[in-house]
Full PDB file with SEQRES, HELIX, SHEET, SSBOND, CRYST1, ORIGX, SCALE, CONECT and MASTER records, all heavy atoms in Angstrom:
SEQRES   1 A   35  LEU LEU SER GLU ASP PHE TYR VAL LEU CYS VAL SER TYR          
SEQRES   2 A   35  ASP GLY PHE ASP GLU THR GLU GLU THR GLU PHE PRO ASP          
SEQRES   3 A   35  MET ILE THR GLU THR ILE LYS ILE GLU                          
HELIX    1 AA1 MET A   27  ILE A   34  1                                   8    
CRYST1    1.000    1.000    1.000  90.00  90.00  90.00 P 1           1          
ORIGX1      1.000000  0.000000  0.000000        0.00000                         
ORIGX2      0.000000  1.000000  0.000000        0.00000                         
ORIGX3      0.000000  0.000000  1.000000        0.00000                         
SCALE1      1.000000  0.000000  0.000000        0.00000                         
SCALE2      0.000000  1.000000  0.000000        0.00000                         
SCALE3      0.000000  0.000000  1.000000        0.00000                         
ATOM      1  N   LEU A   1    -101.205 -67.055 156.446  1.00  0.00           N  
ATOM      2  CA  LEU A   1    -100.752 -68.128 157.334  1.00  0.00           C  
ATOM      3  C   LEU A   1    -100.005 -67.579 158.547  1.00  0.00           C  
ATOM      4  O   LEU A   1     -99.872 -68.278 159.558  1.00  0.00           O  
ATOM      5  CB  LEU A   1     -99.840 -69.096 156.573  1.00  0.00           C  
ATOM      6  CG  LEU A   1    -100.473 -69.821 155.379  1.00  0.00           C  
ATOM      7  CD1 LEU A   1     -99.429 -70.653 154.648  1.00  0.00           C  
ATOM      8  CD2 LEU A   1    -101.624 -70.715 155.843  1.00  0.00           C  
ATOM      9  N   LEU A   2     -99.524 -66.341 158.454  1.00  0.00           N  
ATOM     10  CA  LEU A   2     -98.767 -65.741 159.549  1.00  0.00           C  
ATOM     11  C   LEU A   2     -99.503 -64.612 160.262  1.00  0.00           C  
ATOM     12  O   LEU A   2     -99.269 -64.368 161.453  1.00  0.00           O  
ATOM     13  CB  LEU A   2     -97.430 -65.184 159.024  1.00  0.00           C  
ATOM     14  CG  LEU A   2     -96.416 -66.169 158.451  1.00  0.00           C  
ATOM     15  CD1 LEU A   2     -95.196 -65.404 157.931  1.00  0.00           C  
ATOM     16  CD2 LEU A   2     -95.981 -67.188 159.498  1.00  0.00           C  
ATOM     17  N   SER A   3    -100.396 -63.924 159.546  1.00  0.00           N  
ATOM     18  CA  SER A   3    -100.922 -62.655 160.057  1.00  0.00           C  
ATOM     19  C   SER A   3    -101.898 -62.792 161.222  1.00  0.00           C  
ATOM     20  O   SER A   3    -102.217 -61.798 161.878  1.00  0.00           O  
ATOM     21  CB  SER A   3    -101.588 -61.859 158.924  1.00  0.00           C  
ATOM     22  OG  SER A   3    -102.635 -62.593 158.328  1.00  0.00           O  
ATOM     23  N   GLU A   4    -102.359 -64.005 161.501  1.00  0.00           N  
ATOM     24  CA  GLU A   4    -103.251 -64.171 162.658  1.00  0.00           C  
ATOM     25  C   GLU A   4    -102.478 -63.976 163.962  1.00  0.00           C  
ATOM     26  O   GLU A   4    -103.025 -63.457 164.941  1.00  0.00           O  
ATOM     27  CB  GLU A   4    -103.896 -65.556 162.637  1.00  0.00           C  
ATOM     28  CG  GLU A   4    -104.895 -65.769 163.775  1.00  0.00           C  
ATOM     29  CD  GLU A   4    -105.624 -67.100 163.681  1.00  0.00           C  
ATOM     30  OE1 GLU A   4    -105.660 -67.691 162.578  1.00  0.00           O  
ATOM     31  OE2 GLU A   4    -106.150 -67.539 164.714  1.00  0.00           O  
ATOM     32  N   ASP A   5    -101.224 -64.375 163.977  1.00  0.00           N  
ATOM     33  CA  ASP A   5    -100.426 -64.313 165.204  1.00  0.00           C  
ATOM     34  C   ASP A   5     -99.254 -63.340 165.135  1.00  0.00           C  
ATOM     35  O   ASP A   5     -98.629 -63.058 166.156  1.00  0.00           O  
ATOM     36  CB  ASP A   5     -99.880 -65.701 165.554  1.00  0.00           C  
ATOM     37  CG  ASP A   5    -100.996 -66.702 165.792  1.00  0.00           C  
ATOM     38  OD1 ASP A   5    -101.881 -66.422 166.611  1.00  0.00           O  
ATOM     39  OD2 ASP A   5    -100.976 -67.768 165.136  1.00  0.00           O  
ATOM     40  N   PHE A   6     -98.941 -62.843 163.917  1.00  0.00           N  
ATOM     41  CA  PHE A   6     -97.809 -61.944 163.764  1.00  0.00           C  
ATOM     42  C   PHE A   6     -98.224 -60.714 162.961  1.00  0.00           C  
ATOM     43  O   PHE A   6     -99.160 -60.765 162.154  1.00  0.00           O  
ATOM     44  CB  PHE A   6     -96.654 -62.656 163.047  1.00  0.00           C  
ATOM     45  CG  PHE A   6     -96.102 -63.829 163.806  1.00  0.00           C  
ATOM     46  CD1 PHE A   6     -96.533 -65.123 163.533  1.00  0.00           C  
ATOM     47  CD2 PHE A   6     -95.175 -63.643 164.817  1.00  0.00           C  
ATOM     48  CE1 PHE A   6     -96.046 -66.206 164.232  1.00  0.00           C  
ATOM     49  CE2 PHE A   6     -94.671 -64.722 165.531  1.00  0.00           C  
ATOM     50  CZ  PHE A   6     -95.114 -65.998 165.241  1.00  0.00           C  
ATOM     51  N   TYR A   7     -97.532 -59.627 163.207  1.00  0.00           N  
ATOM     52  CA  TYR A   7     -97.690 -58.407 162.428  1.00  0.00           C  
ATOM     53  C   TYR A   7     -96.742 -58.546 161.246  1.00  0.00           C  
ATOM     54  O   TYR A   7     -95.526 -58.504 161.407  1.00  0.00           O  
ATOM     55  CB  TYR A   7     -97.331 -57.213 163.298  1.00  0.00           C  
ATOM     56  CG  TYR A   7     -97.601 -55.857 162.701  1.00  0.00           C  
ATOM     57  CD1 TYR A   7     -98.727 -55.602 161.921  1.00  0.00           C  
ATOM     58  CD2 TYR A   7     -96.716 -54.798 162.936  1.00  0.00           C  
ATOM     59  CE1 TYR A   7     -98.970 -54.351 161.399  1.00  0.00           C  
ATOM     60  CE2 TYR A   7     -96.961 -53.537 162.429  1.00  0.00           C  
ATOM     61  CZ  TYR A   7     -98.082 -53.316 161.661  1.00  0.00           C  
ATOM     62  OH  TYR A   7     -98.319 -52.057 161.143  1.00  0.00           O  
ATOM     63  N   VAL A   8     -97.294 -58.777 160.061  1.00  0.00           N  
ATOM     64  CA  VAL A   8     -96.501 -59.126 158.883  1.00  0.00           C  
ATOM     65  C   VAL A   8     -96.215 -57.878 158.052  1.00  0.00           C  
ATOM     66  O   VAL A   8     -97.125 -57.139 157.671  1.00  0.00           O  
ATOM     67  CB  VAL A   8     -97.233 -60.173 158.023  1.00  0.00           C  
ATOM     68  CG1 VAL A   8     -96.394 -60.548 156.806  1.00  0.00           C  
ATOM     69  CG2 VAL A   8     -97.548 -61.422 158.851  1.00  0.00           C  
ATOM     70  N   LEU A   9     -94.940 -57.660 157.756  1.00  0.00           N  
ATOM     71  CA  LEU A   9     -94.491 -56.491 157.003  1.00  0.00           C  
ATOM     72  C   LEU A   9     -93.785 -56.964 155.738  1.00  0.00           C  
ATOM     73  O   LEU A   9     -92.755 -57.647 155.821  1.00  0.00           O  
ATOM     74  CB  LEU A   9     -93.525 -55.657 157.843  1.00  0.00           C  
ATOM     75  CG  LEU A   9     -93.974 -55.350 159.274  1.00  0.00           C  
ATOM     76  CD1 LEU A   9     -92.809 -54.858 160.105  1.00  0.00           C  
ATOM     77  CD2 LEU A   9     -95.091 -54.328 159.265  1.00  0.00           C  
ATOM     78  N   CYS A  10     -94.347 -56.639 154.576  1.00  0.00           N  
ATOM     79  CA  CYS A  10     -93.752 -57.041 153.304  1.00  0.00           C  
ATOM     80  C   CYS A  10     -93.066 -55.845 152.663  1.00  0.00           C  
ATOM     81  O   CYS A  10     -93.712 -54.834 152.366  1.00  0.00           O  
ATOM     82  CB  CYS A  10     -94.818 -57.591 152.361  1.00  0.00           C  
ATOM     83  SG  CYS A  10     -95.543 -59.157 152.897  1.00  0.00           S  
ATOM     84  N   VAL A  11     -91.772 -55.957 152.450  1.00  0.00           N  
ATOM     85  CA  VAL A  11     -91.003 -54.867 151.850  1.00  0.00           C  
ATOM     86  C   VAL A  11     -91.101 -54.940 150.325  1.00  0.00           C  
ATOM     87  O   VAL A  11     -90.985 -56.012 149.726  1.00  0.00           O  
ATOM     88  CB  VAL A  11     -89.529 -54.943 152.291  1.00  0.00           C  
ATOM     89  CG1 VAL A  11     -88.675 -53.957 151.486  1.00  0.00           C  
ATOM     90  CG2 VAL A  11     -89.411 -54.641 153.783  1.00  0.00           C  
ATOM     91  N   SER A  12     -91.336 -53.780 149.722  1.00  0.00           N  
ATOM     92  CA  SER A  12     -91.334 -53.638 148.272  1.00  0.00           C  
ATOM     93  C   SER A  12     -90.159 -52.724 147.917  1.00  0.00           C  
ATOM     94  O   SER A  12     -90.177 -51.534 148.210  1.00  0.00           O  
ATOM     95  CB  SER A  12     -92.655 -53.031 147.790  1.00  0.00           C  
ATOM     96  OG  SER A  12     -92.742 -53.036 146.382  1.00  0.00           O  
ATOM     97  N   TYR A  13     -89.124 -53.303 147.329  1.00  0.00           N  
ATOM     98  CA  TYR A  13     -87.896 -52.553 147.082  1.00  0.00           C  
ATOM     99  C   TYR A  13     -88.110 -51.404 146.104  1.00  0.00           C  
ATOM    100  O   TYR A  13     -89.003 -51.451 145.249  1.00  0.00           O  
ATOM    101  CB  TYR A  13     -86.817 -53.476 146.496  1.00  0.00           C  
ATOM    102  CG  TYR A  13     -86.460 -54.671 147.327  1.00  0.00           C  
ATOM    103  CD1 TYR A  13     -86.403 -55.941 146.745  1.00  0.00           C  
ATOM    104  CD2 TYR A  13     -86.145 -54.568 148.680  1.00  0.00           C  
ATOM    105  CE1 TYR A  13     -86.049 -57.059 147.483  1.00  0.00           C  
ATOM    106  CE2 TYR A  13     -85.792 -55.681 149.431  1.00  0.00           C  
ATOM    107  CZ  TYR A  13     -85.755 -56.929 148.833  1.00  0.00           C  
ATOM    108  OH  TYR A  13     -85.410 -58.029 149.562  1.00  0.00           O  
ATOM    109  N   ASP A  14     -87.235 -50.415 146.200  1.00  0.00           N  
ATOM    110  CA  ASP A  14     -87.193 -49.376 145.171  1.00  0.00           C  
ATOM    111  C   ASP A  14     -87.039 -50.030 143.804  1.00  0.00           C  
ATOM    112  O   ASP A  14     -86.245 -50.958 143.623  1.00  0.00           O  
ATOM    113  CB  ASP A  14     -85.990 -48.448 145.400  1.00  0.00           C  
ATOM    114  CG  ASP A  14     -86.232 -47.435 146.507  1.00  0.00           C  
ATOM    115  OD1 ASP A  14     -87.314 -46.820 146.508  1.00  0.00           O  
ATOM    116  OD2 ASP A  14     -85.349 -47.246 147.353  1.00  0.00           O  
ATOM    117  N   GLY A  15     -87.825 -49.540 142.848  1.00  0.00           N  
ATOM    118  CA  GLY A  15     -87.749 -50.067 141.495  1.00  0.00           C  
ATOM    119  C   GLY A  15     -88.622 -51.273 141.239  1.00  0.00           C  
ATOM    120  O   GLY A  15     -88.806 -51.671 140.086  1.00  0.00           O  
ATOM    121  N   PHE A  16     -89.184 -51.848 142.320  1.00  0.00           N  
ATOM    122  CA  PHE A  16     -89.983 -53.066 142.169  1.00  0.00           C  
ATOM    123  C   PHE A  16     -91.399 -52.902 142.731  1.00  0.00           C  
ATOM    124  O   PHE A  16     -92.076 -53.878 143.004  1.00  0.00           O  
ATOM    125  CB  PHE A  16     -89.265 -54.251 142.833  1.00  0.00           C  
ATOM    126  CG  PHE A  16     -88.003 -54.619 142.105  1.00  0.00           C  
ATOM    127  CD1 PHE A  16     -86.809 -53.985 142.391  1.00  0.00           C  
ATOM    128  CD2 PHE A  16     -88.015 -55.570 141.099  1.00  0.00           C  
ATOM    129  CE1 PHE A  16     -85.645 -54.297 141.705  1.00  0.00           C  
ATOM    130  CE2 PHE A  16     -86.862 -55.891 140.400  1.00  0.00           C  
ATOM    131  CZ  PHE A  16     -85.670 -55.252 140.705  1.00  0.00           C  
ATOM    132  N   ASP A  17     -91.822 -51.650 142.895  1.00  0.00           N  
ATOM    133  CA  ASP A  17     -93.193 -51.367 143.332  1.00  0.00           C  
ATOM    134  C   ASP A  17     -93.869 -50.513 142.268  1.00  0.00           C  
ATOM    135  O   ASP A  17     -93.376 -49.436 141.912  1.00  0.00           O  
ATOM    136  CB  ASP A  17     -93.196 -50.632 144.678  1.00  0.00           C  
ATOM    137  CG  ASP A  17     -94.587 -50.580 145.278  1.00  0.00           C  
ATOM    138  OD1 ASP A  17     -95.425 -49.783 144.775  1.00  0.00           O  
ATOM    139  OD2 ASP A  17     -94.866 -51.327 146.222  1.00  0.00           O  
ATOM    140  N   GLU A  18     -94.997 -51.017 141.761  1.00  0.00           N  
ATOM    141  CA  GLU A  18     -95.675 -50.356 140.636  1.00  0.00           C  
ATOM    142  C   GLU A  18     -96.304 -49.023 141.015  1.00  0.00           C  
ATOM    143  O   GLU A  18     -96.704 -48.243 140.136  1.00  0.00           O  
ATOM    144  CB  GLU A  18     -96.730 -51.287 140.032  1.00  0.00           C  
ATOM    145  CG  GLU A  18     -97.905 -51.619 140.950  1.00  0.00           C  
ATOM    146  CD  GLU A  18     -97.642 -52.776 141.886  1.00  0.00           C  
ATOM    147  OE1 GLU A  18     -96.463 -53.055 142.178  1.00  0.00           O  
ATOM    148  OE2 GLU A  18     -98.626 -53.394 142.343  1.00  0.00           O  
ATOM    149  N   THR A  19     -96.405 -48.715 142.312  1.00  0.00           N  
ATOM    150  CA  THR A  19     -97.009 -47.447 142.743  1.00  0.00           C  
ATOM    151  C   THR A  19     -95.983 -46.321 142.849  1.00  0.00           C  
ATOM    152  O   THR A  19     -96.347 -45.183 143.151  1.00  0.00           O  
ATOM    153  CB  THR A  19     -97.707 -47.604 144.105  1.00  0.00           C  
ATOM    154  OG1 THR A  19     -96.728 -47.789 145.136  1.00  0.00           O  
ATOM    155  CG2 THR A  19     -98.677 -48.774 144.098  1.00  0.00           C  
ATOM    156  N   GLU A  20     -94.712 -46.630 142.631  1.00  0.00           N  
ATOM    157  CA  GLU A  20     -93.656 -45.624 142.753  1.00  0.00           C  
ATOM    158  C   GLU A  20     -92.863 -45.524 141.453  1.00  0.00           C  
ATOM    159  O   GLU A  20     -92.756 -46.504 140.714  1.00  0.00           O  
ATOM    160  CB  GLU A  20     -92.682 -45.990 143.888  1.00  0.00           C  
ATOM    161  CG  GLU A  20     -93.322 -46.059 145.259  1.00  0.00           C  
ATOM    162  CD  GLU A  20     -92.303 -46.407 146.337  1.00  0.00           C  
ATOM    163  OE1 GLU A  20     -91.403 -47.229 146.063  1.00  0.00           O  
ATOM    164  OE2 GLU A  20     -92.401 -45.840 147.425  1.00  0.00           O  
ATOM    165  N   GLU A  21     -92.303 -44.367 141.202  1.00  0.00           N  
ATOM    166  CA  GLU A  21     -91.422 -44.181 140.049  1.00  0.00           C  
ATOM    167  C   GLU A  21     -89.992 -44.084 140.574  1.00  0.00           C  
ATOM    168  O   GLU A  21     -89.421 -43.008 140.701  1.00  0.00           O  
ATOM    169  CB  GLU A  21     -91.811 -42.930 139.260  1.00  0.00           C  
ATOM    170  CG  GLU A  21     -93.179 -43.049 138.595  1.00  0.00           C  
ATOM    171  CD  GLU A  21     -93.516 -41.857 137.727  1.00  0.00           C  
ATOM    172  OE1 GLU A  21     -92.638 -40.960 137.581  1.00  0.00           O  
ATOM    173  OE2 GLU A  21     -94.635 -41.805 137.196  1.00  0.00           O  
ATOM    174  N   THR A  22     -89.434 -45.241 140.892  1.00  0.00           N  
ATOM    175  CA  THR A  22     -88.092 -45.303 141.467  1.00  0.00           C  
ATOM    176  C   THR A  22     -87.284 -46.363 140.745  1.00  0.00           C  
ATOM    177  O   THR A  22     -87.823 -47.158 139.963  1.00  0.00           O  
ATOM    178  CB  THR A  22     -88.151 -45.655 142.964  1.00  0.00           C  
ATOM    179  OG1 THR A  22     -88.851 -46.913 143.112  1.00  0.00           O  
ATOM    180  CG2 THR A  22     -88.869 -44.585 143.771  1.00  0.00           C  
ATOM    181  N   GLU A  23     -85.993 -46.384 141.018  1.00  0.00           N  
ATOM    182  CA  GLU A  23     -85.127 -47.455 140.534  1.00  0.00           C  
ATOM    183  C   GLU A  23     -84.295 -47.956 141.703  1.00  0.00           C  
ATOM    184  O   GLU A  23     -83.965 -47.199 142.622  1.00  0.00           O  
ATOM    185  CB  GLU A  23     -84.222 -46.968 139.394  1.00  0.00           C  
ATOM    186  CG  GLU A  23     -84.988 -46.722 138.104  1.00  0.00           C  
ATOM    187  CD  GLU A  23     -84.086 -46.426 136.921  1.00  0.00           C  
ATOM    188  OE1 GLU A  23     -83.123 -45.652 137.108  1.00  0.00           O  
ATOM    189  OE2 GLU A  23     -84.335 -46.972 135.825  1.00  0.00           O  
ATOM    190  N   PHE A  24     -83.976 -49.239 141.672  1.00  0.00           N  
ATOM    191  CA  PHE A  24     -83.186 -49.826 142.742  1.00  0.00           C  
ATOM    192  C   PHE A  24     -81.797 -49.202 142.715  1.00  0.00           C  
ATOM    193  O   PHE A  24     -81.132 -49.207 141.678  1.00  0.00           O  
ATOM    194  CB  PHE A  24     -83.094 -51.338 142.561  1.00  0.00           C  
ATOM    195  CG  PHE A  24     -82.490 -52.059 143.734  1.00  0.00           C  
ATOM    196  CD1 PHE A  24     -83.299 -52.556 144.752  1.00  0.00           C  
ATOM    197  CD2 PHE A  24     -81.113 -52.238 143.830  1.00  0.00           C  
ATOM    198  CE1 PHE A  24     -82.747 -53.218 145.838  1.00  0.00           C  
ATOM    199  CE2 PHE A  24     -80.551 -52.896 144.915  1.00  0.00           C  
ATOM    200  CZ  PHE A  24     -81.372 -53.392 145.921  1.00  0.00           C  
ATOM    201  N   PRO A  25     -81.320 -48.671 143.876  1.00  0.00           N  
ATOM    202  CA  PRO A  25     -80.009 -48.018 143.887  1.00  0.00           C  
ATOM    203  C   PRO A  25     -78.863 -49.011 144.055  1.00  0.00           C  
ATOM    204  O   PRO A  25     -78.129 -49.300 143.095  1.00  0.00           O  
ATOM    205  CB  PRO A  25     -80.121 -47.053 145.076  1.00  0.00           C  
ATOM    206  CG  PRO A  25     -81.133 -47.703 145.998  1.00  0.00           C  
ATOM    207  CD  PRO A  25     -82.049 -48.515 145.132  1.00  0.00           C  
ATOM    208  N   ASP A  26     -78.717 -49.566 145.244  1.00  0.00           N  
ATOM    209  CA  ASP A  26     -77.685 -50.552 145.572  1.00  0.00           C  
ATOM    210  C   ASP A  26     -78.063 -51.173 146.910  1.00  0.00           C  
ATOM    211  O   ASP A  26     -78.955 -50.695 147.611  1.00  0.00           O  
ATOM    212  CB  ASP A  26     -76.299 -49.912 145.646  1.00  0.00           C  
ATOM    213  CG  ASP A  26     -76.247 -48.764 146.638  1.00  0.00           C  
ATOM    214  OD1 ASP A  26     -76.212 -49.026 147.851  1.00  0.00           O  
ATOM    215  OD2 ASP A  26     -76.269 -47.592 146.206  1.00  0.00           O  
ATOM    216  N   MET A  27     -77.367 -52.237 147.295  1.00  0.00           N  
ATOM    217  CA  MET A  27     -77.740 -52.990 148.494  1.00  0.00           C  
ATOM    218  C   MET A  27     -77.627 -52.155 149.771  1.00  0.00           C  
ATOM    219  O   MET A  27     -78.501 -52.212 150.635  1.00  0.00           O  
ATOM    220  CB  MET A  27     -76.880 -54.245 148.609  1.00  0.00           C  
ATOM    221  CG  MET A  27     -77.159 -55.306 147.551  1.00  0.00           C  
ATOM    222  SD  MET A  27     -78.780 -56.087 147.711  1.00  0.00           S  
ATOM    223  CE  MET A  27     -78.517 -57.113 149.172  1.00  0.00           C  
ATOM    224  N   ILE A  28     -76.553 -51.379 149.897  1.00  0.00           N  
ATOM    225  CA  ILE A  28     -76.359 -50.625 151.136  1.00  0.00           C  
ATOM    226  C   ILE A  28     -77.385 -49.517 151.274  1.00  0.00           C  
ATOM    227  O   ILE A  28     -77.970 -49.320 152.358  1.00  0.00           O  
ATOM    228  CB  ILE A  28     -74.922 -50.055 151.205  1.00  0.00           C  
ATOM    229  CG1 ILE A  28     -73.904 -51.183 151.271  1.00  0.00           C  
ATOM    230  CG2 ILE A  28     -74.775 -49.133 152.413  1.00  0.00           C  
ATOM    231  CD1 ILE A  28     -74.054 -52.101 152.469  1.00  0.00           C  
ATOM    232  N   THR A  29     -77.657 -48.771 150.198  1.00  0.00           N  
ATOM    233  CA  THR A  29     -78.675 -47.717 150.255  1.00  0.00           C  
ATOM    234  C   THR A  29     -80.024 -48.289 150.640  1.00  0.00           C  
ATOM    235  O   THR A  29     -80.753 -47.720 151.465  1.00  0.00           O  
ATOM    236  CB  THR A  29     -78.778 -46.985 148.903  1.00  0.00           C  
ATOM    237  OG1 THR A  29     -77.506 -46.417 148.573  1.00  0.00           O  
ATOM    238  CG2 THR A  29     -79.820 -45.888 148.951  1.00  0.00           C  
ATOM    239  N   GLU A  30     -80.380 -49.443 150.068  1.00  0.00           N  
ATOM    240  CA  GLU A  30     -81.673 -50.062 150.379  1.00  0.00           C  
ATOM    241  C   GLU A  30     -81.676 -50.614 151.803  1.00  0.00           C  
ATOM    242  O   GLU A  30     -82.691 -50.565 152.497  1.00  0.00           O  
ATOM    243  CB  GLU A  30     -81.982 -51.165 149.368  1.00  0.00           C  
ATOM    244  CG  GLU A  30     -83.453 -51.483 149.224  1.00  0.00           C  
ATOM    245  CD  GLU A  30     -84.233 -50.427 148.437  1.00  0.00           C  
ATOM    246  OE1 GLU A  30     -83.662 -49.388 148.034  1.00  0.00           O  
ATOM    247  OE2 GLU A  30     -85.433 -50.648 148.225  1.00  0.00           O  
ATOM    248  N   THR A  31     -80.537 -51.128 152.263  1.00  0.00           N  
ATOM    249  CA  THR A  31     -80.438 -51.607 153.641  1.00  0.00           C  
ATOM    250  C   THR A  31     -80.680 -50.467 154.621  1.00  0.00           C  
ATOM    251  O   THR A  31     -81.380 -50.638 155.629  1.00  0.00           O  
ATOM    252  CB  THR A  31     -79.043 -52.230 153.899  1.00  0.00           C  
ATOM    253  OG1 THR A  31     -78.849 -53.338 153.025  1.00  0.00           O  
ATOM    254  CG2 THR A  31     -78.918 -52.703 155.344  1.00  0.00           C  
ATOM    255  N   ILE A  32     -80.114 -49.313 154.339  1.00  0.00           N  
ATOM    256  CA  ILE A  32     -80.310 -48.144 155.206  1.00  0.00           C  
ATOM    257  C   ILE A  32     -81.791 -47.769 155.270  1.00  0.00           C  
ATOM    258  O   ILE A  32     -82.315 -47.429 156.340  1.00  0.00           O  
ATOM    259  CB  ILE A  32     -79.466 -46.957 154.709  1.00  0.00           C  
ATOM    260  CG1 ILE A  32     -77.978 -47.250 154.922  1.00  0.00           C  
ATOM    261  CG2 ILE A  32     -79.854 -45.663 155.422  1.00  0.00           C  
ATOM    262  CD1 ILE A  32     -77.050 -46.255 154.258  1.00  0.00           C  
ATOM    263  N   LYS A  33     -82.497 -47.860 154.152  1.00  0.00           N  
ATOM    264  CA  LYS A  33     -83.934 -47.545 154.144  1.00  0.00           C  
ATOM    265  C   LYS A  33     -84.713 -48.542 155.006  1.00  0.00           C  
ATOM    266  O   LYS A  33     -85.648 -48.157 155.716  1.00  0.00           O  
ATOM    267  CB  LYS A  33     -84.463 -47.540 152.711  1.00  0.00           C  
ATOM    268  CG  LYS A  33     -83.952 -46.374 151.884  1.00  0.00           C  
ATOM    269  CD  LYS A  33     -84.673 -46.291 150.551  1.00  0.00           C  
ATOM    270  CE  LYS A  33     -84.221 -45.058 149.784  1.00  0.00           C  
ATOM    271  NZ  LYS A  33     -85.009 -44.842 148.552  1.00  0.00           N  
ATOM    272  N   ILE A  34     -84.344 -49.813 154.927  1.00  0.00           N  
ATOM    273  CA  ILE A  34     -84.998 -50.823 155.771  1.00  0.00           C  
ATOM    274  C   ILE A  34     -84.709 -50.537 157.238  1.00  0.00           C  
ATOM    275  O   ILE A  34     -85.610 -50.591 158.091  1.00  0.00           O  
ATOM    276  CB  ILE A  34     -84.521 -52.234 155.377  1.00  0.00           C  
ATOM    277  CG1 ILE A  34     -84.984 -52.583 153.952  1.00  0.00           C  
ATOM    278  CG2 ILE A  34     -85.041 -53.280 156.371  1.00  0.00           C  
ATOM    279  CD1 ILE A  34     -84.345 -53.839 153.381  1.00  0.00           C  
ATOM    280  N   GLU A  35     -83.463 -50.217 157.557  1.00  0.00           N  
ATOM    281  CA  GLU A  35     -83.093 -49.885 158.936  1.00  0.00           C  
ATOM    282  C   GLU A  35     -83.868 -48.671 159.432  1.00  0.00           C  
ATOM    283  O   GLU A  35     -84.381 -48.659 160.561  1.00  0.00           O  
ATOM    284  CB  GLU A  35     -81.591 -49.604 159.011  1.00  0.00           C  
ATOM    285  CG  GLU A  35     -80.722 -50.833 158.793  1.00  0.00           C  
ATOM    286  CD  GLU A  35     -79.261 -50.484 158.614  1.00  0.00           C  
ATOM    287  OE1 GLU A  35     -78.948 -49.318 158.257  1.00  0.00           O  
ATOM    288  OE2 GLU A  35     -78.409 -51.373 158.819  1.00  0.00           O  
TER     289      GLU A  35                                                      
MASTER        0    0    0    1    0    0    0    6  288    1    0    3          
END                                                                             
């Protein structure tokens, strides 16, 4: 519904992506990765 007019970026957090072997650290560490 959005991708025709916008470049859509879906974030998959550490620990919540089945293609990675990670664990969610904390909000600030994850915020820095997004930044």
